[in-house]
Amino acid sequence: MTVKIGWTPYKRLPDMESMDLIYFEPERLNYYKDSTSYFMKCPAVSNFHKKFFVIKSPFDLELNYDRKQGDVKISEDQKFYDRFVSWRRTEYGEHERPLFSFLFQYMFVADEPVWIETYPAFLHGQPENTQYIPGSFDIYNWFRPIDFSFQIIDDTKPVKIKRGQPLFYMKFTSKKLNENFSMKRIEWTEELSKQSRRTSVQEWIRGLSWKLMLKGNPFRPKKMVK
């Protein structure tokens, strides 16, 4: 059996409709597709790959962080910064690595319990000078976007990404550990937007969203991947 995973670009702002034409479809991890090595015939290897998908950058972007001046500069304009760059300045200590998110966001949903896990792009290599922040949650009960959140390793050097560059991986897991998964593009609807807003309690009561997710979502429509 194959479980369908619905995906759509996350429309955080009303004027982001055109993002549909820019985002890459999540791709199944097939890093060794051109290899003739015998290990590719191993079921353990093939089973590993079939559950992983790749998220690629939709833009070229360079970010420079100046710790002394408390300033951030990017290679695009202020409008781009406001929409796609989040400097999470209150979420790390004075001497810790600075924390940022590039808000090239996706929403994933399933019509049965499925956990999404995000990982750094360990086969392709993480974008230079970044340390990816991984995470995991149930996309059946909880409707929240995922994005490229990272620490800057050396804040005296820029972070540069290219369009089409792998940013991070996703892995899906269900109750059946040998389940197959496929991607289906779904429309961004008012229902999805409403479900997403219900998860935003985490912005004003820390930890509450996780507790609510574990209890289940009584407001969830029966069918989301149509």
C-alpha atoms as a PDB file:
ATOM      1  CA  MET A   1       0.000   0.000   0.000  1.00  0.00           C
ATOM      2  CA  THR A   2       1.104   3.557  -0.755  1.00  0.00           C
ATOM      3  CA  VAL A   3       0.199   6.507   1.456  1.00  0.00           C
ATOM      4  CA  LYS A   4      -0.421   9.769  -0.364  1.00  0.00           C
ATOM      5  CA  ILE A   5       1.183  12.855   1.118  1.00  0.00           C
ATOM      6  CA  GLY A   6      -0.429  16.125   0.101  1.00  0.00           C
ATOM      7  CA  TRP A   7       1.880  19.078  -0.374  1.00  0.00           C
ATOM      8  CA  THR A   8       1.521  22.752  -1.259  1.00  0.00           C
ATOM      9  CA  PRO A   9       3.599  25.917  -0.969  1.00  0.00           C
ATOM     10  CA  TYR A  10       2.626  27.620   2.275  1.00  0.00           C
ATOM     11  CA  LYS A  11       0.821  30.903   1.543  1.00  0.00           C
ATOM     12  CA  ARG A  12       1.859  32.880   4.585  1.00  0.00           C
ATOM     13  CA  LEU A  13       0.881  36.193   2.981  1.00  0.00           C
ATOM     14  CA  PRO A  14      -1.959  37.036   0.579  1.00  0.00           C
ATOM     15  CA  ASP A  15       0.390  38.231  -2.188  1.00  0.00           C
ATOM     16  CA  MET A  16       2.334  34.950  -2.394  1.00  0.00           C
ATOM     17  CA  GLU A  17       0.123  33.218  -4.964  1.00  0.00           C
ATOM     18  CA  SER A  18       2.844  33.400  -7.615  1.00  0.00           C
ATOM     19  CA  MET A  19       5.087  31.173  -5.487  1.00  0.00           C
ATOM     20  CA  ASP A  20       3.404  28.147  -7.103  1.00  0.00           C
ATOM     21  CA  LEU A  21       5.498  28.745 -10.212  1.00  0.00           C
ATOM     22  CA  ILE A  22       8.783  29.050  -8.335  1.00  0.00           C
ATOM     23  CA  TYR A  23       8.811  26.232  -5.788  1.00  0.00           C
ATOM     24  CA  PHE A  24      10.284  22.870  -6.707  1.00  0.00           C
ATOM     25  CA  GLU A  25       8.172  19.772  -6.212  1.00  0.00           C
ATOM     26  CA  PRO A  26       9.610  17.597  -3.412  1.00  0.00           C
ATOM     27  CA  GLU A  27      11.737  14.904  -5.052  1.00  0.00           C
ATOM     28  CA  ARG A  28      12.364  11.385  -3.856  1.00  0.00           C
ATOM     29  CA  LEU A  29      15.929  10.971  -2.651  1.00  0.00           C
ATOM     30  CA  ASN A  30      17.741   9.161  -5.442  1.00  0.00           C
ATOM     31  CA  TYR A  31      21.301  10.213  -4.797  1.00  0.00           C
ATOM     32  CA  TYR A  32      22.866   7.029  -6.178  1.00  0.00           C
ATOM     33  CA  LYS A  33      20.641   6.750  -9.272  1.00  0.00           C
ATOM     34  CA  ASP A  34      23.608   6.604 -11.671  1.00  0.00           C
ATOM     35  CA  SER A  35      25.618   4.181  -9.566  1.00  0.00           C
ATOM     36  CA  THR A  36      26.277   0.643 -10.790  1.00  0.00           C
ATOM     37  CA  SER A  37      27.545  -0.462  -7.382  1.00  0.00           C
ATOM     38  CA  TYR A  38      26.132  -3.684  -6.004  1.00  0.00           C
ATOM     39  CA  PHE A  39      24.929  -2.007  -2.805  1.00  0.00           C
ATOM     40  CA  MET A  40      22.066  -0.422  -4.766  1.00  0.00           C
ATOM     41  CA  LYS A  41      20.474  -3.878  -4.979  1.00  0.00           C
ATOM     42  CA  CYS A  42      20.410  -4.195  -1.206  1.00  0.00           C
ATOM     43  CA  PRO A  43      16.817  -3.961   0.129  1.00  0.00           C
ATOM     44  CA  ALA A  44      18.051  -2.124   3.216  1.00  0.00           C
ATOM     45  CA  VAL A  45      19.471   0.635   1.008  1.00  0.00           C
ATOM     46  CA  SER A  46      16.441   0.871  -1.268  1.00  0.00           C
ATOM     47  CA  ASN A  47      14.054   0.892   1.712  1.00  0.00           C
ATOM     48  CA  PHE A  48      16.014   3.758   3.243  1.00  0.00           C
ATOM     49  CA  HIS A  49      15.826   5.871   0.089  1.00  0.00           C
ATOM     50  CA  LYS A  50      12.140   5.354  -0.673  1.00  0.00           C
ATOM     51  CA  LYS A  51      11.053   7.247   2.466  1.00  0.00           C
ATOM     52  CA  PHE A  52      13.256  10.294   1.953  1.00  0.00           C
ATOM     53  CA  PHE A  53      12.433  13.353  -0.151  1.00  0.00           C
ATOM     54  CA  VAL A  54      14.490  16.436  -1.007  1.00  0.00           C
ATOM     55  CA  ILE A  55      13.504  20.103  -0.663  1.00  0.00           C
ATOM     56  CA  LYS A  56      15.388  22.457  -2.973  1.00  0.00           C
ATOM     57  CA  SER A  57      15.897  26.203  -2.800  1.00  0.00           C
ATOM     58  CA  PRO A  58      13.633  28.240  -5.099  1.00  0.00           C
ATOM     59  CA  PHE A  59      16.027  31.226  -5.067  1.00  0.00           C
ATOM     60  CA  ASP A  60      19.599  32.377  -5.269  1.00  0.00           C
ATOM     61  CA  LEU A  61      20.348  34.211  -2.036  1.00  0.00           C
ATOM     62  CA  GLU A  62      23.296  35.529  -0.040  1.00  0.00           C
ATOM     63  CA  LEU A  63      23.000  36.557   3.604  1.00  0.00           C
ATOM     64  CA  ASN A  64      25.607  38.410   5.659  1.00  0.00           C
ATOM     65  CA  TYR A  65      25.286  38.783   9.420  1.00  0.00           C
ATOM     66  CA  ASP A  66      27.265  41.411  11.341  1.00  0.00           C
ATOM     67  CA  ARG A  67      27.251  40.470  15.018  1.00  0.00           C
ATOM     68  CA  LYS A  68      29.051  43.623  16.155  1.00  0.00           C
ATOM     69  CA  GLN A  69      26.711  45.976  14.350  1.00  0.00           C
ATOM     70  CA  GLY A  70      23.628  43.847  14.964  1.00  0.00           C
ATOM     71  CA  ASP A  71      22.839  44.000  11.263  1.00  0.00           C
ATOM     72  CA  VAL A  72      21.754  41.626   8.478  1.00  0.00           C
ATOM     73  CA  LYS A  73      22.169  42.197   4.753  1.00  0.00           C
ATOM     74  CA  ILE A  74      20.913  40.065   1.889  1.00  0.00           C
ATOM     75  CA  SER A  75      21.398  40.087  -1.864  1.00  0.00           C
ATOM     76  CA  GLU A  76      17.726  40.997  -2.446  1.00  0.00           C
ATOM     77  CA  ASP A  77      15.569  43.969  -1.460  1.00  0.00           C
ATOM     78  CA  GLN A  78      13.668  44.765   1.735  1.00  0.00           C
ATOM     79  CA  LYS A  79      10.415  43.314   0.399  1.00  0.00           C
ATOM     80  CA  PHE A  80      12.115  39.963  -0.163  1.00  0.00           C
ATOM     81  CA  TYR A  81      13.646  40.102   3.317  1.00  0.00           C
ATOM     82  CA  ASP A  82      10.275  40.777   4.934  1.00  0.00           C
ATOM     83  CA  ARG A  83       8.697  37.804   3.183  1.00  0.00           C
ATOM     84  CA  PHE A  84      11.393  35.180   3.183  1.00  0.00           C
ATOM     85  CA  VAL A  85      13.990  35.867   5.882  1.00  0.00           C
ATOM     86  CA  SER A  86      13.401  35.501   9.610  1.00  0.00           C
ATOM     87  CA  TRP A  87      16.223  36.623  11.899  1.00  0.00           C
ATOM     88  CA  ARG A  88      15.300  34.867  15.136  1.00  0.00           C
ATOM     89  CA  ARG A  89      17.306  37.245  17.257  1.00  0.00           C
ATOM     90  CA  THR A  90      15.466  36.566  20.538  1.00  0.00           C
ATOM     91  CA  GLU A  91      15.913  32.791  20.287  1.00  0.00           C
ATOM     92  CA  TYR A  92      19.641  32.363  20.941  1.00  0.00           C
ATOM     93  CA  GLY A  93      22.162  33.495  23.512  1.00  0.00           C
ATOM     94  CA  GLU A  94      24.645  36.333  23.210  1.00  0.00           C
ATOM     95  CA  HIS A  95      27.582  34.030  22.460  1.00  0.00           C
ATOM     96  CA  GLU A  96      25.696  31.337  20.552  1.00  0.00           C
ATOM     97  CA  ARG A  97      25.502  30.841  16.821  1.00  0.00           C
ATOM     98  CA  PRO A  98      22.906  33.162  15.236  1.00  0.00           C
ATOM     99  CA  LEU A  99      19.640  31.536  14.209  1.00  0.00           C
ATOM    100  CA  PHE A 100      17.772  32.247  10.968  1.00  0.00           C
ATOM    101  CA  SER A 101      14.975  30.797   8.877  1.00  0.00           C
ATOM    102  CA  PHE A 102      14.562  31.099   5.128  1.00  0.00           C
ATOM    103  CA  LEU A 103      10.785  31.044   4.770  1.00  0.00           C
ATOM    104  CA  PHE A 104      10.549  29.004   1.585  1.00  0.00           C
ATOM    105  CA  GLN A 105       7.768  27.115   3.283  1.00  0.00           C
ATOM    106  CA  TYR A 106       5.863  23.952   2.418  1.00  0.00           C
ATOM    107  CA  MET A 107       2.772  22.405   3.997  1.00  0.00           C
ATOM    108  CA  PHE A 108       2.406  18.599   4.128  1.00  0.00           C
ATOM    109  CA  VAL A 109      -0.727  16.695   5.137  1.00  0.00           C
ATOM    110  CA  ALA A 110      -1.869  13.066   5.290  1.00  0.00           C
ATOM    111  CA  ASP A 111      -5.242  11.408   5.853  1.00  0.00           C
ATOM    112  CA  GLU A 112      -3.855   8.939   8.351  1.00  0.00           C
ATOM    113  CA  PRO A 113      -1.242   9.273  11.112  1.00  0.00           C
ATOM    114  CA  VAL A 114       2.123   9.997   9.453  1.00  0.00           C
ATOM    115  CA  TRP A 115       5.119  11.624  11.070  1.00  0.00           C
ATOM    116  CA  ILE A 116       7.391  13.888   9.088  1.00  0.00           C
ATOM    117  CA  GLU A 117      11.042  14.112  10.117  1.00  0.00           C
ATOM    118  CA  THR A 118      13.389  16.699   8.626  1.00  0.00           C
ATOM    119  CA  TYR A 119      17.137  16.184   8.280  1.00  0.00           C
ATOM    120  CA  PRO A 120      20.147  18.087   6.970  1.00  0.00           C
ATOM    121  CA  ALA A 121      21.076  17.251   3.374  1.00  0.00           C
ATOM    122  CA  PHE A 122      23.758  14.815   4.551  1.00  0.00           C
ATOM    123  CA  LEU A 123      24.394  13.195   1.151  1.00  0.00           C
ATOM    124  CA  HIS A 124      24.404  16.356  -0.952  1.00  0.00           C
ATOM    125  CA  GLY A 125      26.077  18.398   1.790  1.00  0.00           C
ATOM    126  CA  GLN A 126      24.463  21.174   3.822  1.00  0.00           C
ATOM    127  CA  PRO A 127      24.561  24.686   2.347  1.00  0.00           C
ATOM    128  CA  GLU A 128      27.984  26.040   3.250  1.00  0.00           C
ATOM    129  CA  ASN A 129      28.331  27.746   6.630  1.00  0.00           C
ATOM    130  CA  THR A 130      24.969  26.466   7.924  1.00  0.00           C
ATOM    131  CA  GLN A 131      23.894  23.947  10.562  1.00  0.00           C
ATOM    132  CA  TYR A 132      20.333  22.813   9.854  1.00  0.00           C
ATOM    133  CA  ILE A 133      17.773  22.560  12.688  1.00  0.00           C
ATOM    134  CA  PRO A 134      15.840  19.252  12.293  1.00  0.00           C
ATOM    135  CA  GLY A 135      12.364  18.494  13.610  1.00  0.00           C
ATOM    136  CA  SER A 136       9.455  16.049  13.615  1.00  0.00           C
ATOM    137  CA  PHE A 137       5.651  16.085  14.055  1.00  0.00           C
ATOM    138  CA  ASP A 138       2.444  14.323  12.960  1.00  0.00           C
ATOM    139  CA  ILE A 139       1.098  15.778   9.688  1.00  0.00           C
ATOM    140  CA  TYR A 140      -2.269  14.081  10.233  1.00  0.00           C
ATOM    141  CA  ASN A 141      -3.057  16.015  13.403  1.00  0.00           C
ATOM    142  CA  TRP A 142      -0.945  19.113  12.977  1.00  0.00           C
ATOM    143  CA  PHE A 143      -0.942  21.574  10.088  1.00  0.00           C
ATOM    144  CA  ARG A 144       2.174  23.666  10.192  1.00  0.00           C
ATOM    145  CA  PRO A 145       4.731  24.658   7.554  1.00  0.00           C
ATOM    146  CA  ILE A 146       8.305  23.475   7.349  1.00  0.00           C
ATOM    147  CA  ASP A 147      11.204  25.641   6.238  1.00  0.00           C
ATOM    148  CA  PHE A 148      14.986  25.911   6.171  1.00  0.00           C
ATOM    149  CA  SER A 149      15.925  26.944   9.732  1.00  0.00           C
ATOM    150  CA  PHE A 150      19.629  27.036  10.534  1.00  0.00           C
ATOM    151  CA  GLN A 151      22.478  28.361  12.623  1.00  0.00           C
ATOM    152  CA  ILE A 152      25.307  30.290  10.978  1.00  0.00           C
ATOM    153  CA  ILE A 153      28.519  28.432  11.802  1.00  0.00           C
ATOM    154  CA  ASP A 154      30.924  31.327  11.188  1.00  0.00           C
ATOM    155  CA  ASP A 155      29.250  34.735  11.310  1.00  0.00           C
ATOM    156  CA  THR A 156      32.250  36.401   9.663  1.00  0.00           C
ATOM    157  CA  LYS A 157      31.388  34.567   6.449  1.00  0.00           C
ATOM    158  CA  PRO A 158      28.280  34.765   4.240  1.00  0.00           C
ATOM    159  CA  VAL A 159      25.596  32.127   3.748  1.00  0.00           C
ATOM    160  CA  LYS A 160      25.060  31.493   0.043  1.00  0.00           C
ATOM    161  CA  ILE A 161      22.456  29.267  -1.567  1.00  0.00           C
ATOM    162  CA  LYS A 162      21.619  28.641  -5.209  1.00  0.00           C
ATOM    163  CA  ARG A 163      18.304  27.921  -6.867  1.00  0.00           C
ATOM    164  CA  GLY A 164      17.863  24.169  -7.110  1.00  0.00           C
ATOM    165  CA  GLN A 165      20.337  23.436  -4.317  1.00  0.00           C
ATOM    166  CA  PRO A 166      19.141  20.790  -1.807  1.00  0.00           C
ATOM    167  CA  LEU A 167      18.362  22.532   1.489  1.00  0.00           C
ATOM    168  CA  PHE A 168      17.175  19.605   3.619  1.00  0.00           C
ATOM    169  CA  TYR A 169      15.593  16.144   3.511  1.00  0.00           C
ATOM    170  CA  MET A 170      12.245  14.840   4.740  1.00  0.00           C
ATOM    171  CA  LYS A 171      11.420  11.327   5.901  1.00  0.00           C
ATOM    172  CA  PHE A 172       7.902   9.988   6.426  1.00  0.00           C
ATOM    173  CA  THR A 173       6.969   7.250   8.890  1.00  0.00           C
ATOM    174  CA  SER A 174       3.605   5.582   9.557  1.00  0.00           C
ATOM    175  CA  LYS A 175       2.462   2.773  11.836  1.00  0.00           C
ATOM    176  CA  LYS A 176       3.542   0.323   9.145  1.00  0.00           C
ATOM    177  CA  LEU A 177       7.272   0.772   9.093  1.00  0.00           C
ATOM    178  CA  ASN A 178       7.627  -0.587   5.544  1.00  0.00           C
ATOM    179  CA  GLU A 179       4.991   1.749   4.063  1.00  0.00           C
ATOM    180  CA  ASN A 180       5.520   3.444   0.702  1.00  0.00           C
ATOM    181  CA  PHE A 181       4.786   7.138   0.235  1.00  0.00           C
ATOM    182  CA  SER A 182       3.922   9.250  -2.784  1.00  0.00           C
ATOM    183  CA  MET A 183       3.516  12.997  -3.244  1.00  0.00           C
ATOM    184  CA  LYS A 184       0.332  14.676  -4.484  1.00  0.00           C
ATOM    185  CA  ARG A 185       0.070  18.390  -5.137  1.00  0.00           C
ATOM    186  CA  ILE A 186      -2.969  19.909  -3.394  1.00  0.00           C
ATOM    187  CA  GLU A 187      -4.475  23.371  -3.556  1.00  0.00           C
ATOM    188  CA  TRP A 188      -3.919  25.988  -0.894  1.00  0.00           C
ATOM    189  CA  THR A 189      -7.443  26.492   0.432  1.00  0.00           C
ATOM    190  CA  GLU A 190      -9.147  28.515   3.128  1.00  0.00           C
ATOM    191  CA  GLU A 191      -9.592  25.250   5.061  1.00  0.00           C
ATOM    192  CA  LEU A 192      -5.837  24.635   5.053  1.00  0.00           C
ATOM    193  CA  SER A 193      -5.240  28.221   6.104  1.00  0.00           C
ATOM    194  CA  LYS A 194      -7.744  27.862   8.948  1.00  0.00           C
ATOM    195  CA  GLN A 195      -6.181  24.608  10.139  1.00  0.00           C
ATOM    196  CA  SER A 196      -2.753  26.227  10.068  1.00  0.00           C
ATOM    197  CA  ARG A 197      -3.917  29.178  12.141  1.00  0.00           C
ATOM    198  CA  ARG A 198      -5.075  26.767  14.829  1.00  0.00           C
ATOM    199  CA  THR A 199      -1.459  25.719  15.371  1.00  0.00           C
ATOM    200  CA  SER A 200      -0.289  29.279  15.957  1.00  0.00           C
ATOM    201  CA  VAL A 201      -0.958  29.114  19.711  1.00  0.00           C
ATOM    202  CA  GLN A 202       2.717  28.209  20.017  1.00  0.00           C
ATOM    203  CA  GLU A 203       3.474  31.867  19.322  1.00  0.00           C
ATOM    204  CA  TRP A 204       1.987  32.987  22.629  1.00  0.00           C
ATOM    205  CA  ILE A 205       1.939  29.911  24.879  1.00  0.00           C
ATOM    206  CA  ARG A 206       5.139  27.931  24.498  1.00  0.00           C
ATOM    207  CA  GLY A 207       4.711  24.172  24.383  1.00  0.00           C
ATOM    208  CA  LEU A 208       0.918  24.248  24.136  1.00  0.00           C
ATOM    209  CA  SER A 209       0.850  23.396  20.424  1.00  0.00           C
ATOM    210  CA  TRP A 210       2.754  20.163  21.021  1.00  0.00           C
ATOM    211  CA  LYS A 211       0.379  19.102  23.777  1.00  0.00           C
ATOM    212  CA  LEU A 212      -2.598  19.775  21.542  1.00  0.00           C
ATOM    213  CA  MET A 213      -1.065  17.808  18.668  1.00  0.00           C
ATOM    214  CA  LEU A 214      -0.564  14.738  20.859  1.00  0.00           C
ATOM    215  CA  LYS A 215      -4.213  14.902  21.939  1.00  0.00           C
ATOM    216  CA  GLY A 216      -5.414  14.940  18.340  1.00  0.00           C
ATOM    217  CA  ASN A 217      -7.202  17.503  16.210  1.00  0.00           C
ATOM    218  CA  PRO A 218     -10.997  17.366  16.665  1.00  0.00           C
ATOM    219  CA  PHE A 219     -11.478  20.066  14.022  1.00  0.00           C
ATOM    220  CA  ARG A 220      -9.663  18.173  11.297  1.00  0.00           C
ATOM    221  CA  PRO A 221     -11.714  17.429   8.160  1.00  0.00           C
ATOM    222  CA  LYS A 222     -11.871  13.716   7.376  1.00  0.00           C
ATOM    223  CA  LYS A 223     -10.339  14.154   3.923  1.00  0.00           C
ATOM    224  CA  MET A 224      -7.566  16.634   3.103  1.00  0.00           C
ATOM    225  CA  VAL A 225      -5.638  14.882   0.312  1.00  0.00           C
ATOM    226  CA  LYS A 226      -8.250  14.978  -2.459  1.00  0.00           C
END
